[in-house]
Amino acid sequence: MLALAANYRMSWSAVVNRVRNLGLIDSGEARRQKANSPTRGDFLAVLGEQPIPDLEPGATGKLWRKAVLGAWDAGAITAPRTIELLYGALAADELPTRSLEEPLP
């Protein structure tokens, strides 16, 4: 169950519920498991590593960055707002060149 929680970045209660629903543990064992969530040490002892978060606090995902830079390219947001929404991943002089087209008459 530790490997499932770590590899698929699932909450401990979700793993326990799934294992219980599959009939691999009974309800008493499920209650015991939920009451004893694994610690970092448990992950290190069993797997040799601890789960890593998908994103660090303050980081943004790939689709978010593409959407923000798309808004920048379309002229919908300013450079300072772009930098703010990207949480400083780029400086103003690193923003991509805009491909603004002339508006249709």
N, C-alpha and C. Protein backbone atom coordinates (compact mmCIF):
# COMPACT_ATOMS: atom_id res chain seq x y z
N MET A 1 0.83 -1.19 0.00
CA MET A 1 0.00 0.00 0.00
C MET A 1 0.87 1.26 0.00
N LEU A 2 2.02 1.17 0.65
CA LEU A 2 2.94 2.30 0.62
C LEU A 2 3.39 2.61 -0.80
N ALA A 3 3.69 1.57 -1.55
CA ALA A 3 4.13 1.76 -2.93
C ALA A 3 3.02 2.42 -3.76
N LEU A 4 1.78 2.01 -3.56
CA LEU A 4 0.67 2.64 -4.28
C LEU A 4 0.56 4.12 -3.93
N ALA A 5 0.61 4.41 -2.64
CA ALA A 5 0.49 5.80 -2.20
C ALA A 5 1.63 6.64 -2.77
N ALA A 6 2.84 6.09 -2.76
CA ALA A 6 4.00 6.86 -3.24
C ALA A 6 4.02 6.99 -4.75
N ASN A 7 3.86 5.88 -5.45
CA ASN A 7 3.98 5.90 -6.91
C ASN A 7 2.86 6.67 -7.60
N TYR A 8 1.66 6.58 -7.05
CA TYR A 8 0.53 7.25 -7.68
C TYR A 8 0.12 8.52 -6.96
N ARG A 9 0.91 8.91 -5.95
CA ARG A 9 0.68 10.14 -5.18
C ARG A 9 -0.76 10.23 -4.70
N MET A 10 -1.21 9.14 -4.11
CA MET A 10 -2.57 9.06 -3.58
C MET A 10 -2.54 9.29 -2.08
N SER A 11 -3.62 9.83 -1.56
CA SER A 11 -3.71 9.99 -0.11
C SER A 11 -3.79 8.60 0.52
N TRP A 12 -3.33 8.52 1.75
CA TRP A 12 -3.33 7.25 2.45
C TRP A 12 -4.75 6.71 2.60
N SER A 13 -5.69 7.58 2.94
CA SER A 13 -7.07 7.11 3.12
C SER A 13 -7.66 6.59 1.81
N ALA A 14 -7.30 7.20 0.68
CA ALA A 14 -7.79 6.72 -0.62
C ALA A 14 -7.22 5.33 -0.92
N VAL A 15 -5.96 5.11 -0.62
CA VAL A 15 -5.35 3.79 -0.84
C VAL A 15 -6.03 2.75 0.05
N VAL A 16 -6.19 3.09 1.32
CA VAL A 16 -6.83 2.15 2.25
C VAL A 16 -8.26 1.84 1.79
N ASN A 17 -9.01 2.86 1.40
CA ASN A 17 -10.38 2.64 0.92
C ASN A 17 -10.40 1.73 -0.30
N ARG A 18 -9.49 1.94 -1.21
CA ARG A 18 -9.47 1.13 -2.44
C ARG A 18 -9.13 -0.32 -2.13
N VAL A 19 -8.14 -0.52 -1.28
CA VAL A 19 -7.74 -1.87 -0.90
C VAL A 19 -8.89 -2.56 -0.17
N ARG A 20 -9.59 -1.82 0.67
CA ARG A 20 -10.76 -2.38 1.38
C ARG A 20 -11.87 -2.74 0.38
N ASN A 21 -12.15 -1.83 -0.56
CA ASN A 21 -13.19 -2.09 -1.56
C ASN A 21 -12.86 -3.30 -2.43
N LEU A 22 -11.60 -3.57 -2.63
CA LEU A 22 -11.19 -4.75 -3.40
C LEU A 22 -11.25 -6.03 -2.58
N GLY A 23 -11.55 -5.88 -1.29
CA GLY A 23 -11.65 -7.04 -0.42
C GLY A 23 -10.32 -7.59 0.04
N LEU A 24 -9.25 -6.82 -0.09
CA LEU A 24 -7.93 -7.30 0.30
C LEU A 24 -7.67 -7.14 1.80
N ILE A 25 -8.41 -6.25 2.44
CA ILE A 25 -8.37 -6.11 3.89
C ILE A 25 -9.81 -5.95 4.38
N ASP A 26 -10.05 -6.30 5.65
CA ASP A 26 -11.39 -6.14 6.19
C ASP A 26 -11.56 -4.74 6.78
N SER A 27 -12.77 -4.43 7.20
CA SER A 27 -13.06 -3.07 7.69
C SER A 27 -12.28 -2.74 8.95
N GLY A 28 -12.03 -3.73 9.81
CA GLY A 28 -11.24 -3.49 11.02
C GLY A 28 -9.81 -3.09 10.68
N GLU A 29 -9.22 -3.81 9.74
CA GLU A 29 -7.85 -3.48 9.31
C GLU A 29 -7.82 -2.12 8.61
N ALA A 30 -8.85 -1.82 7.85
CA ALA A 30 -8.92 -0.51 7.19
C ALA A 30 -8.93 0.61 8.22
N ARG A 31 -9.70 0.44 9.30
CA ARG A 31 -9.74 1.45 10.36
C ARG A 31 -8.36 1.60 11.00
N ARG A 32 -7.70 0.48 11.26
CA ARG A 32 -6.36 0.53 11.87
C ARG A 32 -5.37 1.24 10.94
N GLN A 33 -5.43 0.93 9.67
CA GLN A 33 -4.52 1.55 8.71
C GLN A 33 -4.76 3.06 8.61
N LYS A 34 -6.03 3.45 8.58
CA LYS A 34 -6.34 4.89 8.49
C LYS A 34 -5.89 5.63 9.73
N ALA A 35 -5.91 4.97 10.87
CA ALA A 35 -5.50 5.61 12.12
C ALA A 35 -3.99 5.78 12.21
N ASN A 36 -3.26 5.05 11.38
CA ASN A 36 -1.79 5.09 11.42
C ASN A 36 -1.23 5.45 10.05
N SER A 37 -1.43 6.68 9.64
CA SER A 37 -0.89 7.14 8.35
C SER A 37 0.62 7.00 8.35
N PRO A 38 1.19 6.58 7.23
CA PRO A 38 2.65 6.42 7.17
C PRO A 38 3.37 7.76 7.29
N THR A 39 4.56 7.68 7.86
CA THR A 39 5.42 8.86 8.01
C THR A 39 6.47 8.85 6.90
N ARG A 40 7.24 9.92 6.83
CA ARG A 40 8.35 9.96 5.86
C ARG A 40 9.28 8.77 6.08
N GLY A 41 9.52 8.46 7.36
CA GLY A 41 10.40 7.34 7.69
C GLY A 41 9.88 6.01 7.18
N ASP A 42 8.56 5.82 7.22
CA ASP A 42 7.97 4.59 6.69
C ASP A 42 8.27 4.45 5.20
N PHE A 43 8.08 5.54 4.46
CA PHE A 43 8.36 5.50 3.02
C PHE A 43 9.84 5.23 2.76
N LEU A 44 10.71 5.88 3.55
CA LEU A 44 12.15 5.66 3.36
C LEU A 44 12.55 4.23 3.70
N ALA A 45 11.99 3.67 4.77
CA ALA A 45 12.35 2.32 5.19
C ALA A 45 11.89 1.27 4.18
N VAL A 46 10.70 1.45 3.62
CA VAL A 46 10.14 0.44 2.72
C VAL A 46 10.58 0.64 1.27
N LEU A 47 10.57 1.90 0.82
CA LEU A 47 10.84 2.18 -0.59
C LEU A 47 12.21 2.80 -0.86
N GLY A 48 12.86 3.27 0.19
CA GLY A 48 14.16 3.92 0.02
C GLY A 48 14.07 5.37 -0.41
N GLU A 49 12.85 5.87 -0.55
CA GLU A 49 12.64 7.26 -0.92
C GLU A 49 11.27 7.70 -0.46
N GLN A 50 11.08 8.99 -0.42
CA GLN A 50 9.77 9.52 -0.06
C GLN A 50 9.10 10.07 -1.30
N PRO A 51 7.78 10.11 -1.30
CA PRO A 51 7.09 10.65 -2.47
C PRO A 51 7.47 12.11 -2.70
N ILE A 52 7.62 12.48 -3.95
CA ILE A 52 7.91 13.88 -4.26
C ILE A 52 6.64 14.53 -4.78
N PRO A 53 6.41 15.77 -4.41
CA PRO A 53 5.20 16.43 -4.87
C PRO A 53 5.24 16.70 -6.37
N ASP A 54 4.06 16.73 -6.98
CA ASP A 54 3.99 17.05 -8.40
C ASP A 54 4.53 18.45 -8.66
N LEU A 55 4.14 19.38 -7.82
CA LEU A 55 4.60 20.76 -7.94
C LEU A 55 5.03 21.27 -6.58
N GLU A 56 6.11 21.99 -6.56
CA GLU A 56 6.55 22.64 -5.33
C GLU A 56 5.63 23.83 -5.06
N PRO A 57 5.49 24.22 -3.80
CA PRO A 57 4.66 25.41 -3.51
C PRO A 57 5.14 26.61 -4.32
N GLY A 58 4.21 27.29 -4.95
CA GLY A 58 4.53 28.46 -5.78
C GLY A 58 4.83 28.12 -7.22
N ALA A 59 4.98 26.84 -7.53
CA ALA A 59 5.26 26.44 -8.91
C ALA A 59 3.95 26.34 -9.68
N THR A 60 4.05 26.35 -10.99
CA THR A 60 2.87 26.23 -11.84
C THR A 60 3.05 25.07 -12.80
N GLY A 61 1.95 24.55 -13.28
CA GLY A 61 1.98 23.45 -14.23
C GLY A 61 2.21 23.92 -15.65
N LYS A 62 2.52 22.98 -16.51
CA LYS A 62 2.82 23.25 -17.92
C LYS A 62 1.64 23.94 -18.62
N LEU A 63 0.43 23.44 -18.41
CA LEU A 63 -0.73 24.03 -19.09
C LEU A 63 -1.00 25.45 -18.60
N TRP A 64 -0.78 25.69 -17.31
CA TRP A 64 -0.94 27.05 -16.77
C TRP A 64 0.05 28.00 -17.44
N ARG A 65 1.32 27.59 -17.51
CA ARG A 65 2.34 28.46 -18.12
C ARG A 65 2.00 28.73 -19.59
N LYS A 66 1.54 27.71 -20.31
CA LYS A 66 1.17 27.91 -21.72
C LYS A 66 -0.01 28.87 -21.84
N ALA A 67 -0.99 28.75 -20.95
CA ALA A 67 -2.16 29.63 -20.99
C ALA A 67 -1.77 31.07 -20.69
N VAL A 68 -0.92 31.26 -19.69
CA VAL A 68 -0.47 32.61 -19.34
C VAL A 68 0.30 33.23 -20.50
N LEU A 69 1.22 32.47 -21.07
CA LEU A 69 2.00 33.00 -22.19
C LEU A 69 1.15 33.19 -23.43
N GLY A 70 0.10 32.40 -23.58
CA GLY A 70 -0.85 32.62 -24.67
C GLY A 70 -1.61 33.92 -24.49
N ALA A 71 -1.99 34.21 -23.25
CA ALA A 71 -2.66 35.48 -22.95
C ALA A 71 -1.72 36.65 -23.19
N TRP A 72 -0.45 36.48 -22.84
CA TRP A 72 0.57 37.51 -23.10
C TRP A 72 0.70 37.74 -24.60
N ASP A 73 0.80 36.66 -25.35
CA ASP A 73 0.96 36.75 -26.80
C ASP A 73 -0.24 37.45 -27.44
N ALA A 74 -1.42 37.19 -26.93
CA ALA A 74 -2.64 37.80 -27.49
C ALA A 74 -2.83 39.24 -27.05
N GLY A 75 -1.97 39.71 -26.15
CA GLY A 75 -2.10 41.08 -25.66
C GLY A 75 -3.16 41.25 -24.60
N ALA A 76 -3.62 40.14 -24.03
CA ALA A 76 -4.68 40.19 -23.03
C ALA A 76 -4.18 40.59 -21.66
N ILE A 77 -2.88 40.37 -21.38
CA ILE A 77 -2.32 40.75 -20.09
C ILE A 77 -0.98 41.46 -20.30
N THR A 78 -0.62 42.25 -19.32
CA THR A 78 0.63 43.04 -19.39
C THR A 78 1.82 42.18 -18.98
N ALA A 79 3.00 42.70 -19.24
CA ALA A 79 4.22 42.00 -18.85
C ALA A 79 4.29 41.80 -17.34
N PRO A 80 4.04 42.86 -16.52
CA PRO A 80 4.11 42.62 -15.08
C PRO A 80 3.11 41.56 -14.60
N ARG A 81 1.91 41.55 -15.19
CA ARG A 81 0.92 40.55 -14.78
C ARG A 81 1.35 39.16 -15.24
N THR A 82 1.97 39.05 -16.40
CA THR A 82 2.48 37.77 -16.88
C THR A 82 3.52 37.22 -15.91
N ILE A 83 4.46 38.07 -15.52
CA ILE A 83 5.51 37.67 -14.58
C ILE A 83 4.88 37.23 -13.26
N GLU A 84 3.90 37.98 -12.80
CA GLU A 84 3.22 37.66 -11.55
C GLU A 84 2.53 36.30 -11.64
N LEU A 85 1.82 36.05 -12.73
CA LEU A 85 1.09 34.79 -12.89
C LEU A 85 2.02 33.59 -13.06
N LEU A 86 3.24 33.84 -13.52
CA LEU A 86 4.23 32.78 -13.67
C LEU A 86 5.09 32.62 -12.42
N TYR A 87 4.75 33.39 -11.38
CA TYR A 87 5.47 33.35 -10.10
C TYR A 87 6.97 33.53 -10.28
N GLY A 88 7.33 34.44 -11.18
CA GLY A 88 8.74 34.78 -11.36
C GLY A 88 9.55 33.77 -12.14
N ALA A 89 8.90 32.84 -12.85
CA ALA A 89 9.64 31.85 -13.65
C ALA A 89 10.42 32.53 -14.77
N LEU A 90 9.95 33.68 -15.22
CA LEU A 90 10.63 34.47 -16.25
C LEU A 90 10.78 35.90 -15.75
N ALA A 91 11.79 36.57 -16.25
CA ALA A 91 11.94 38.00 -16.02
C ALA A 91 11.33 38.72 -17.23
N ALA A 92 11.06 39.99 -17.09
CA ALA A 92 10.42 40.76 -18.17
C ALA A 92 11.21 40.67 -19.47
N ASP A 93 12.54 40.67 -19.38
CA ASP A 93 13.35 40.62 -20.61
C ASP A 93 13.42 39.20 -21.20
N GLU A 94 12.81 38.23 -20.55
CA GLU A 94 12.80 36.86 -21.06
C GLU A 94 11.46 36.46 -21.68
N LEU A 95 10.50 37.37 -21.64
CA LEU A 95 9.19 37.06 -22.23
C LEU A 95 9.34 36.83 -23.73
N PRO A 96 8.57 35.90 -24.28
CA PRO A 96 8.67 35.65 -25.72
C PRO A 96 8.16 36.85 -26.52
N THR A 97 8.61 36.94 -27.74
CA THR A 97 8.16 37.99 -28.64
C THR A 97 6.70 37.75 -28.96
N ARG A 98 5.93 38.83 -28.90
CA ARG A 98 4.51 38.71 -29.22
C ARG A 98 4.33 38.58 -30.72
N SER A 99 3.31 37.82 -31.11
CA SER A 99 2.99 37.67 -32.53
C SER A 99 1.63 38.33 -32.81
N LEU A 100 1.43 39.52 -32.24
CA LEU A 100 0.17 40.21 -32.42
C LEU A 100 -0.06 40.53 -33.89
N GLU A 101 -1.22 40.25 -34.34
CA GLU A 101 -1.59 40.58 -35.72
C GLU A 101 -2.44 41.83 -35.71
N GLU A 102 -2.46 42.50 -36.82
CA GLU A 102 -3.31 43.67 -36.95
C GLU A 102 -4.76 43.25 -36.86
N PRO A 103 -5.59 43.99 -36.13
CA PRO A 103 -7.01 43.63 -36.06
C PRO A 103 -7.68 43.82 -37.41
N LEU A 104 -8.66 42.97 -37.67
CA LEU A 104 -9.41 43.07 -38.92
C LEU A 104 -10.29 44.31 -38.89
N PRO A 105 -10.44 44.99 -40.06
CA PRO A 105 -11.28 46.19 -40.08
C PRO A 105 -12.75 45.90 -39.91
